[in-house]
């Protein structure tokens, strides 16, 4: 099992009732596995929300088939628009 830290940004903190949580996922977990787990927590990841991973390589939005490493910090945030 690997440990993943999930941080909720913007209005998602209030929606989830927490700023962050720690999840245990299988060793070969992908972003898709994380997305499924977040759905069980009540977070509907529609097109208005994004998952990004912060790690030693910087901040990236990863495809669903990307494998997660132990102790990744994942941020979920609402779509941001501006002008």
PDB file of N, CA and C in Angstrom:
ATOM      1  N   UNK A   1       0.849  -1.193   0.000  1.00  0.00           N
ATOM      2  CA  UNK A   1       0.000   0.000   0.000  1.00  0.00           C
ATOM      3  C   UNK A   1       0.887   1.246   0.000  1.00  0.00           C
ATOM      4  N   UNK A   2       0.380   2.285  -0.678  1.00  0.00           N
ATOM      5  CA  UNK A   2       1.078   3.563  -0.677  1.00  0.00           C
ATOM      6  C   UNK A   2       0.193   4.615  -0.031  1.00  0.00           C
ATOM      7  N   UNK A   3       0.817   5.612   0.538  1.00  0.00           N
ATOM      8  CA  UNK A   3       0.120   6.720   1.168  1.00  0.00           C
ATOM      9  C   UNK A   3       0.126   7.901   0.215  1.00  0.00           C
ATOM     10  N   UNK A   4      -1.033   8.499  -0.016  1.00  0.00           N
ATOM     11  CA  UNK A   4      -1.184   9.671  -0.856  1.00  0.00           C
ATOM     12  C   UNK A   4      -1.844  10.760  -0.027  1.00  0.00           C
ATOM     13  N   UNK A   5      -1.301  11.967  -0.071  1.00  0.00           N
ATOM     14  CA  UNK A   5      -1.895  13.110   0.621  1.00  0.00           C
ATOM     15  C   UNK A   5      -2.712  13.882  -0.407  1.00  0.00           C
ATOM     16  N   UNK A   6      -3.976  14.126  -0.102  1.00  0.00           N
ATOM     17  CA  UNK A   6      -4.860  14.863  -1.002  1.00  0.00           C
ATOM     18  C   UNK A   6      -5.223  16.179  -0.338  1.00  0.00           C
ATOM     19  N   UNK A   7      -4.949  17.288  -1.046  1.00  0.00           N
ATOM     20  CA  UNK A   7      -5.299  18.619  -0.556  1.00  0.00           C
ATOM     21  C   UNK A   7      -6.439  19.167  -1.407  1.00  0.00           C
ATOM     22  N   UNK A   8      -7.437  19.734  -0.737  1.00  0.00           N
ATOM     23  CA  UNK A   8      -8.584  20.317  -1.414  1.00  0.00           C
ATOM     24  C   UNK A   8      -8.416  21.832  -1.404  1.00  0.00           C
ATOM     25  N   UNK A   9      -8.477  22.436  -2.579  1.00  0.00           N
ATOM     26  CA  UNK A   9      -8.241  23.876  -2.709  1.00  0.00           C
ATOM     27  C   UNK A   9      -9.527  24.611  -3.060  1.00  0.00           C
ATOM     28  N   UNK A  10      -9.521  25.913  -2.820  1.00  0.00           N
ATOM     29  CA  UNK A  10     -10.670  26.754  -3.156  1.00  0.00           C
ATOM     30  C   UNK A  10     -11.918  26.308  -2.421  1.00  0.00           C
ATOM     31  N   UNK A  11     -13.049  26.375  -3.117  1.00  0.00           N
ATOM     32  CA  UNK A  11     -14.340  26.005  -2.531  1.00  0.00           C
ATOM     33  C   UNK A  11     -14.468  24.536  -2.205  1.00  0.00           C
ATOM     34  N   UNK A  12     -13.540  23.715  -2.715  1.00  0.00           N
ATOM     35  CA  UNK A  12     -13.613  22.286  -2.413  1.00  0.00           C
ATOM     36  C   UNK A  12     -13.333  22.004  -0.942  1.00  0.00           C
ATOM     37  N   UNK A  13     -12.562  22.864  -0.285  1.00  0.00           N
ATOM     38  CA  UNK A  13     -12.337  22.680   1.157  1.00  0.00           C
ATOM     39  C   UNK A  13     -13.663  22.679   1.893  1.00  0.00           C
ATOM     40  N   UNK A  14     -14.494  23.647   1.562  1.00  0.00           N
ATOM     41  CA  UNK A  14     -15.794  23.734   2.223  1.00  0.00           C
ATOM     42  C   UNK A  14     -16.694  22.582   1.782  1.00  0.00           C
ATOM     43  N   UNK A  15     -16.681  22.255   0.495  1.00  0.00           N
ATOM     44  CA  UNK A  15     -17.505  21.161  -0.025  1.00  0.00           C
ATOM     45  C   UNK A  15     -17.154  19.839   0.647  1.00  0.00           C
ATOM     46  N   UNK A  16     -15.865  19.588   0.860  1.00  0.00           N
ATOM     47  CA  UNK A  16     -15.420  18.334   1.461  1.00  0.00           C
ATOM     48  C   UNK A  16     -15.409  18.381   2.983  1.00  0.00           C
ATOM     49  N   UNK A  17     -15.435  19.586   3.558  1.00  0.00           N
ATOM     50  CA  UNK A  17     -15.403  19.720   5.008  1.00  0.00           C
ATOM     51  C   UNK A  17     -14.029  19.480   5.606  1.00  0.00           C
ATOM     52  N   UNK A  18     -12.996  19.600   4.777  1.00  0.00           N
ATOM     53  CA  UNK A  18     -11.622  19.404   5.249  1.00  0.00           C
ATOM     54  C   UNK A  18     -10.652  20.026   4.242  1.00  0.00           C
ATOM     55  N   UNK A  19      -9.478  20.379   4.719  1.00  0.00           N
ATOM     56  CA  UNK A  19      -8.448  20.941   3.842  1.00  0.00           C
ATOM     57  C   UNK A  19      -7.634  19.845   3.166  1.00  0.00           C
ATOM     58  N   UNK A  20      -7.486  18.710   3.843  1.00  0.00           N
ATOM     59  CA  UNK A  20      -6.714  17.615   3.255  1.00  0.00           C
ATOM     60  C   UNK A  20      -7.076  16.298   3.921  1.00  0.00           C
ATOM     61  N   UNK A  21      -6.641  15.229   3.289  1.00  0.00           N
ATOM     62  CA  UNK A  21      -6.837  13.894   3.834  1.00  0.00           C
ATOM     63  C   UNK A  21      -5.699  13.004   3.354  1.00  0.00           C
ATOM     64  N   UNK A  22      -5.473  11.925   4.047  1.00  0.00           N
ATOM     65  CA  UNK A  22      -4.462  10.948   3.660  1.00  0.00           C
ATOM     66  C   UNK A  22      -5.175   9.658   3.277  1.00  0.00           C
ATOM     67  N   UNK A  23      -4.813   9.123   2.106  1.00  0.00           N
ATOM     68  CA  UNK A  23      -5.449   7.908   1.602  1.00  0.00           C
ATOM     69  C   UNK A  23      -4.421   6.804   1.424  1.00  0.00           C
ATOM     70  N   UNK A  24      -4.833   5.576   1.659  1.00  0.00           N
ATOM     71  CA  UNK A  24      -4.016   4.407   1.357  1.00  0.00           C
ATOM     72  C   UNK A  24      -4.545   3.790   0.072  1.00  0.00           C
ATOM     73  N   UNK A  25      -3.656   3.586  -0.887  1.00  0.00           N
ATOM     74  CA  UNK A  25      -4.012   3.001  -2.171  1.00  0.00           C
ATOM     75  C   UNK A  25      -3.096   1.823  -2.459  1.00  0.00           C
ATOM     76  N   UNK A  26      -3.491   0.934  -3.363  1.00  0.00           N
ATOM     77  CA  UNK A  26      -2.618  -0.192  -3.715  1.00  0.00           C
ATOM     78  C   UNK A  26      -1.288   0.294  -4.291  1.00  0.00           C
ATOM     79  N   UNK A  27      -0.264  -0.542  -4.206  1.00  0.00           N
ATOM     80  CA  UNK A  27       1.071  -0.173  -4.675  1.00  0.00           C
ATOM     81  C   UNK A  27       1.097   0.278  -6.131  1.00  0.00           C
ATOM     82  N   UNK A  28       0.255  -0.285  -6.970  1.00  0.00           N
ATOM     83  CA  UNK A  28       0.259   0.046  -8.394  1.00  0.00           C
ATOM     84  C   UNK A  28      -0.848   1.037  -8.763  1.00  0.00           C
ATOM     85  N   UNK A  29      -1.289   1.850  -7.804  1.00  0.00           N
ATOM     86  CA  UNK A  29      -2.409   2.763  -8.016  1.00  0.00           C
ATOM     87  C   UNK A  29      -2.078   3.821  -9.072  1.00  0.00           C
ATOM     88  N   UNK A  30      -3.116   4.176  -9.832  1.00  0.00           N
ATOM     89  CA  UNK A  30      -3.008   5.218 -10.849  1.00  0.00           C
ATOM     90  C   UNK A  30      -3.895   6.396 -10.453  1.00  0.00           C
ATOM     91  N   UNK A  31      -3.826   7.464 -11.245  1.00  0.00           N
ATOM     92  CA  UNK A  31      -4.695   8.607 -11.019  1.00  0.00           C
ATOM     93  C   UNK A  31      -6.166   8.176 -11.124  1.00  0.00           C
ATOM     94  N   UNK A  32      -6.479   7.240 -12.014  1.00  0.00           N
ATOM     95  CA  UNK A  32      -7.848   6.732 -12.127  1.00  0.00           C
ATOM     96  C   UNK A  32      -8.301   6.058 -10.831  1.00  0.00           C
ATOM     97  N   UNK A  33      -7.405   5.306 -10.197  1.00  0.00           N
ATOM     98  CA  UNK A  33      -7.733   4.675  -8.910  1.00  0.00           C
ATOM     99  C   UNK A  33      -8.002   5.736  -7.851  1.00  0.00           C
ATOM    100  N   UNK A  34      -7.192   6.782  -7.862  1.00  0.00           N
ATOM    101  CA  UNK A  34      -7.386   7.880  -6.916  1.00  0.00           C
ATOM    102  C   UNK A  34      -8.728   8.554  -7.180  1.00  0.00           C
ATOM    103  N   UNK A  35      -9.052   8.788  -8.436  1.00  0.00           N
ATOM    104  CA  UNK A  35     -10.310   9.412  -8.796  1.00  0.00           C
ATOM    105  C   UNK A  35     -11.491   8.574  -8.289  1.00  0.00           C
ATOM    106  N   UNK A  36     -11.418   7.265  -8.464  1.00  0.00           N
ATOM    107  CA  UNK A  36     -12.482   6.379  -7.975  1.00  0.00           C
ATOM    108  C   UNK A  36     -12.601   6.459  -6.461  1.00  0.00           C
ATOM    109  N   UNK A  37     -11.479   6.520  -5.783  1.00  0.00           N
ATOM    110  CA  UNK A  37     -11.491   6.608  -4.313  1.00  0.00           C
ATOM    111  C   UNK A  37     -12.090   7.930  -3.847  1.00  0.00           C
ATOM    112  N   UNK A  38     -11.767   9.022  -4.558  1.00  0.00           N
ATOM    113  CA  UNK A  38     -12.341  10.317  -4.206  1.00  0.00           C
ATOM    114  C   UNK A  38     -13.846  10.321  -4.414  1.00  0.00           C
ATOM    115  N   UNK A  39     -14.329   9.601  -5.405  1.00  0.00           N
ATOM    116  CA  UNK A  39     -15.774   9.482  -5.607  1.00  0.00           C
ATOM    117  C   UNK A  39     -16.444   8.828  -4.405  1.00  0.00           C
ATOM    118  N   UNK A  40     -15.771   7.833  -3.796  1.00  0.00           N
ATOM    119  CA  UNK A  40     -16.347   7.177  -2.616  1.00  0.00           C
ATOM    120  C   UNK A  40     -16.391   8.118  -1.421  1.00  0.00           C
ATOM    121  N   UNK A  41     -15.547   9.154  -1.445  1.00  0.00           N
ATOM    122  CA  UNK A  41     -15.566  10.159  -0.376  1.00  0.00           C
ATOM    123  C   UNK A  41     -16.605  11.245  -0.624  1.00  0.00           C
ATOM    124  N   UNK A  42     -17.279  11.172  -1.776  1.00  0.00           N
ATOM    125  CA  UNK A  42     -18.317  12.134  -2.079  1.00  0.00           C
ATOM    126  C   UNK A  42     -17.889  13.267  -2.985  1.00  0.00           C
ATOM    127  N   UNK A  43     -16.704  13.199  -3.559  1.00  0.00           N
ATOM    128  CA  UNK A  43     -16.234  14.248  -4.456  1.00  0.00           C
ATOM    129  C   UNK A  43     -16.502  13.837  -5.896  1.00  0.00           C
ATOM    130  N   UNK A  44     -17.413  14.536  -6.541  1.00  0.00           N
ATOM    131  CA  UNK A  44     -17.744  14.260  -7.938  1.00  0.00           C
ATOM    132  C   UNK A  44     -16.774  15.034  -8.810  1.00  0.00           C
ATOM    133  N   UNK A  45     -15.871  14.323  -9.458  1.00  0.00           N
ATOM    134  CA  UNK A  45     -14.853  14.968 -10.278  1.00  0.00           C
ATOM    135  C   UNK A  45     -15.358  15.168 -11.702  1.00  0.00           C
ATOM    136  N   UNK A  46     -16.173  16.192 -11.874  1.00  0.00           N
ATOM    137  CA  UNK A  46     -16.661  16.513 -13.208  1.00  0.00           C
ATOM    138  C   UNK A  46     -15.654  17.415 -13.913  1.00  0.00           C
ATOM    139  N   UNK A  47     -16.032  17.951 -15.053  1.00  0.00           N
ATOM    140  CA  UNK A  47     -15.104  18.769 -15.829  1.00  0.00           C
ATOM    141  C   UNK A  47     -14.762  20.087 -15.147  1.00  0.00           C
ATOM    142  N   UNK A  48     -15.461  20.421 -14.081  1.00  0.00           N
ATOM    143  CA  UNK A  48     -15.187  21.667 -13.374  1.00  0.00           C
ATOM    144  C   UNK A  48     -14.129  21.513 -12.281  1.00  0.00           C
ATOM    145  N   UNK A  49     -13.653  20.284 -12.080  1.00  0.00           N
ATOM    146  CA  UNK A  49     -12.646  20.051 -11.047  1.00  0.00           C
ATOM    147  C   UNK A  49     -11.450  19.356 -11.675  1.00  0.00           C
ATOM    148  N   UNK A  50     -10.288  19.604 -11.143  1.00  0.00           N
ATOM    149  CA  UNK A  50      -9.053  19.071 -11.710  1.00  0.00           C
ATOM    150  C   UNK A  50      -8.211  18.408 -10.638  1.00  0.00           C
ATOM    151  N   UNK A  51      -7.450  17.399 -11.047  1.00  0.00           N
ATOM    152  CA  UNK A  51      -6.487  16.758 -10.157  1.00  0.00           C
ATOM    153  C   UNK A  51      -5.096  17.125 -10.655  1.00  0.00           C
ATOM    154  N   UNK A  52      -4.244  17.575  -9.759  1.00  0.00           N
ATOM    155  CA  UNK A  52      -2.850  17.837 -10.102  1.00  0.00           C
ATOM    156  C   UNK A  52      -1.978  17.186  -9.047  1.00  0.00           C
ATOM    157  N   UNK A  53      -0.795  16.762  -9.434  1.00  0.00           N
ATOM    158  CA  UNK A  53       0.120  16.082  -8.526  1.00  0.00           C
ATOM    159  C   UNK A  53       1.346  16.953  -8.319  1.00  0.00           C
ATOM    160  N   UNK A  54       1.684  17.203  -7.068  1.00  0.00           N
ATOM    161  CA  UNK A  54       2.877  17.967  -6.722  1.00  0.00           C
ATOM    162  C   UNK A  54       3.905  16.979  -6.201  1.00  0.00           C
ATOM    163  N   UNK A  55       5.038  16.904  -6.873  1.00  0.00           N
ATOM    164  CA  UNK A  55       6.087  15.990  -6.441  1.00  0.00           C
ATOM    165  C   UNK A  55       7.448  16.616  -6.724  1.00  0.00           C
ATOM    166  N   UNK A  56       8.477  15.834  -6.665  1.00  0.00           N
ATOM    167  CA  UNK A  56       9.823  16.348  -6.850  1.00  0.00           C
ATOM    168  C   UNK A  56      10.046  16.913  -8.250  1.00  0.00           C
ATOM    169  N   UNK A  57       9.167  16.598  -9.188  1.00  0.00           N
ATOM    170  CA  UNK A  57       9.304  17.077 -10.565  1.00  0.00           C
ATOM    171  C   UNK A  57       8.454  18.311 -10.827  1.00  0.00           C
ATOM    172  N   UNK A  58       7.770  18.828  -9.820  1.00  0.00           N
ATOM    173  CA  UNK A  58       6.939  20.006  -9.995  1.00  0.00           C
ATOM    174  C   UNK A  58       5.460  19.671  -9.975  1.00  0.00           C
ATOM    175  N   UNK A  59       4.651  20.633 -10.394  1.00  0.00           N
ATOM    176  CA  UNK A  59       3.200  20.497 -10.394  1.00  0.00           C
ATOM    177  C   UNK A  59       2.744  20.128 -11.794  1.00  0.00           C
ATOM    178  N   UNK A  60       2.038  19.006 -11.922  1.00  0.00           N
ATOM    179  CA  UNK A  60       1.582  18.524 -13.219  1.00  0.00           C
ATOM    180  C   UNK A  60       0.174  17.972 -13.132  1.00  0.00           C
ATOM    181  N   UNK A  61      -0.584  18.136 -14.216  1.00  0.00           N
ATOM    182  CA  UNK A  61      -1.833  17.409 -14.339  1.00  0.00           C
ATOM    183  C   UNK A  61      -1.492  16.131 -15.083  1.00  0.00           C
ATOM    184  N   UNK A  62      -1.823  15.011 -14.499  1.00  0.00           N
ATOM    185  CA  UNK A  62      -1.436  13.721 -15.045  1.00  0.00           C
ATOM    186  C   UNK A  62      -2.609  13.015 -15.685  1.00  0.00           C
ATOM    187  N   UNK A  63      -2.335  12.184 -16.697  1.00  0.00           N
ATOM    188  CA  UNK A  63      -3.403  11.373 -17.294  1.00  0.00           C
ATOM    189  C   UNK A  63      -3.876  10.313 -16.309  1.00  0.00           C
ATOM    190  N   UNK A  64      -5.065   9.786 -16.552  1.00  0.00           N
ATOM    191  CA  UNK A  64      -5.661   8.812 -15.640  1.00  0.00           C
ATOM    192  C   UNK A  64      -4.840   7.539 -15.484  1.00  0.00           C
ATOM    193  N   UNK A  65      -4.024   7.190 -16.487  1.00  0.00           N
ATOM    194  CA  UNK A  65      -3.239   5.951 -16.393  1.00  0.00           C
ATOM    195  C   UNK A  65      -1.868   6.156 -15.737  1.00  0.00           C
ATOM    196  N   UNK A  66      -1.561   7.373 -15.300  1.00  0.00           N
ATOM    197  CA  UNK A  66      -0.278   7.652 -14.641  1.00  0.00           C
ATOM    198  C   UNK A  66      -0.236   6.989 -13.266  1.00  0.00           C
ATOM    199  N   UNK A  67       0.826   6.258 -13.000  1.00  0.00           N
ATOM    200  CA  UNK A  67       0.991   5.614 -11.689  1.00  0.00           C
ATOM    201  C   UNK A  67       1.410   6.647 -10.645  1.00  0.00           C
ATOM    202  N   UNK A  68       0.885   6.463  -9.445  1.00  0.00           N
ATOM    203  CA  UNK A  68       1.237   7.319  -8.319  1.00  0.00           C
ATOM    204  C   UNK A  68       2.368   6.674  -7.530  1.00  0.00           C
ATOM    205  N   UNK A  69       3.214   7.492  -6.960  1.00  0.00           N
ATOM    206  CA  UNK A  69       4.309   7.014  -6.120  1.00  0.00           C
ATOM    207  C   UNK A  69       3.954   7.269  -4.659  1.00  0.00           C
ATOM    208  N   UNK A  70       4.597   6.540  -3.744  1.00  0.00           N
ATOM    209  CA  UNK A  70       4.336   6.775  -2.319  1.00  0.00           C
ATOM    210  C   UNK A  70       4.606   8.230  -1.945  1.00  0.00           C
ATOM    211  N   UNK A  71       3.774   8.746  -1.077  1.00  0.00           N
ATOM    212  CA  UNK A  71       3.911  10.094  -0.517  1.00  0.00           C
ATOM    213  C   UNK A  71       3.730  11.211  -1.536  1.00  0.00           C
ATOM    214  N   UNK A  72       3.049  10.935  -2.660  1.00  0.00           N
ATOM    215  CA  UNK A  72       2.707  12.008  -3.589  1.00  0.00           C
ATOM    216  C   UNK A  72       1.741  12.951  -2.874  1.00  0.00           C
ATOM    217  N   UNK A  73       1.827  14.227  -3.205  1.00  0.00           N
ATOM    218  CA  UNK A  73       0.870  15.212  -2.719  1.00  0.00           C
ATOM    219  C   UNK A  73      -0.008  15.573  -3.902  1.00  0.00           C
ATOM    220  N   UNK A  74      -1.292  15.288  -3.773  1.00  0.00           N
ATOM    221  CA  UNK A  74      -2.243  15.509  -4.854  1.00  0.00           C
ATOM    222  C   UNK A  74      -3.151  16.658  -4.458  1.00  0.00           C
ATOM    223  N   UNK A  75      -3.355  17.591  -5.392  1.00  0.00           N
ATOM    224  CA  UNK A  75      -4.243  18.720  -5.143  1.00  0.00           C
ATOM    225  C   UNK A  75      -5.445  18.616  -6.060  1.00  0.00           C
ATOM    226  N   UNK A  76      -6.618  18.810  -5.502  1.00  0.00           N
ATOM    227  CA  UNK A  76      -7.850  18.831  -6.285  1.00  0.00           C
ATOM    228  C   UNK A  76      -8.396  20.248  -6.166  1.00  0.00           C
ATOM    229  N   UNK A  77      -8.664  20.850  -7.323  1.00  0.00           N
ATOM    230  CA  UNK A  77      -9.096  22.253  -7.297  1.00  0.00           C
ATOM    231  C   UNK A  77     -10.165  22.493  -8.335  1.00  0.00           C
ATOM    232  N   UNK A  78     -11.031  23.498  -8.073  1.00  0.00           N
ATOM    233  CA  UNK A  78     -12.057  23.825  -9.049  1.00  0.00           C
ATOM    234  C   UNK A  78     -11.429  24.508 -10.245  1.00  0.00           C
ATOM    235  N   UNK A  79     -12.124  24.438 -11.382  1.00  0.00           N
ATOM    236  CA  UNK A  79     -11.674  25.105 -12.586  1.00  0.00           C
ATOM    237  C   UNK A  79     -11.586  26.599 -12.300  1.00  0.00           C
ATOM    238  N   UNK A  80     -10.502  27.218 -12.709  1.00  0.00           N
ATOM    239  CA  UNK A  80     -10.277  28.636 -12.441  1.00  0.00           C
ATOM    240  C   UNK A  80     -10.327  29.385 -13.763  1.00  0.00           C
ATOM    241  N   UNK A  81     -11.120  30.434 -13.808  1.00  0.00           N
ATOM    242  CA  UNK A  81     -11.196  31.249 -15.010  1.00  0.00           C
ATOM    243  C   UNK A  81     -10.929  32.709 -14.627  1.00  0.00           C
ATOM    244  N   UNK A  82     -10.395  33.394 -15.522  1.00  0.00           N
ATOM    245  CA  UNK A  82     -10.124  34.808 -15.263  1.00  0.00           C
ATOM    246  C   UNK A  82      -9.937  35.545 -16.578  1.00  0.00           C
ATOM    247  N   UNK A  83      -9.717  36.796 -16.470  1.00  0.00           N
ATOM    248  CA  UNK A  83      -9.567  37.549 -17.704  1.00  0.00           C
ATOM    249  C   UNK A  83      -8.776  38.793 -17.518  1.00  0.00           C
TER     250      UNK A  83
END
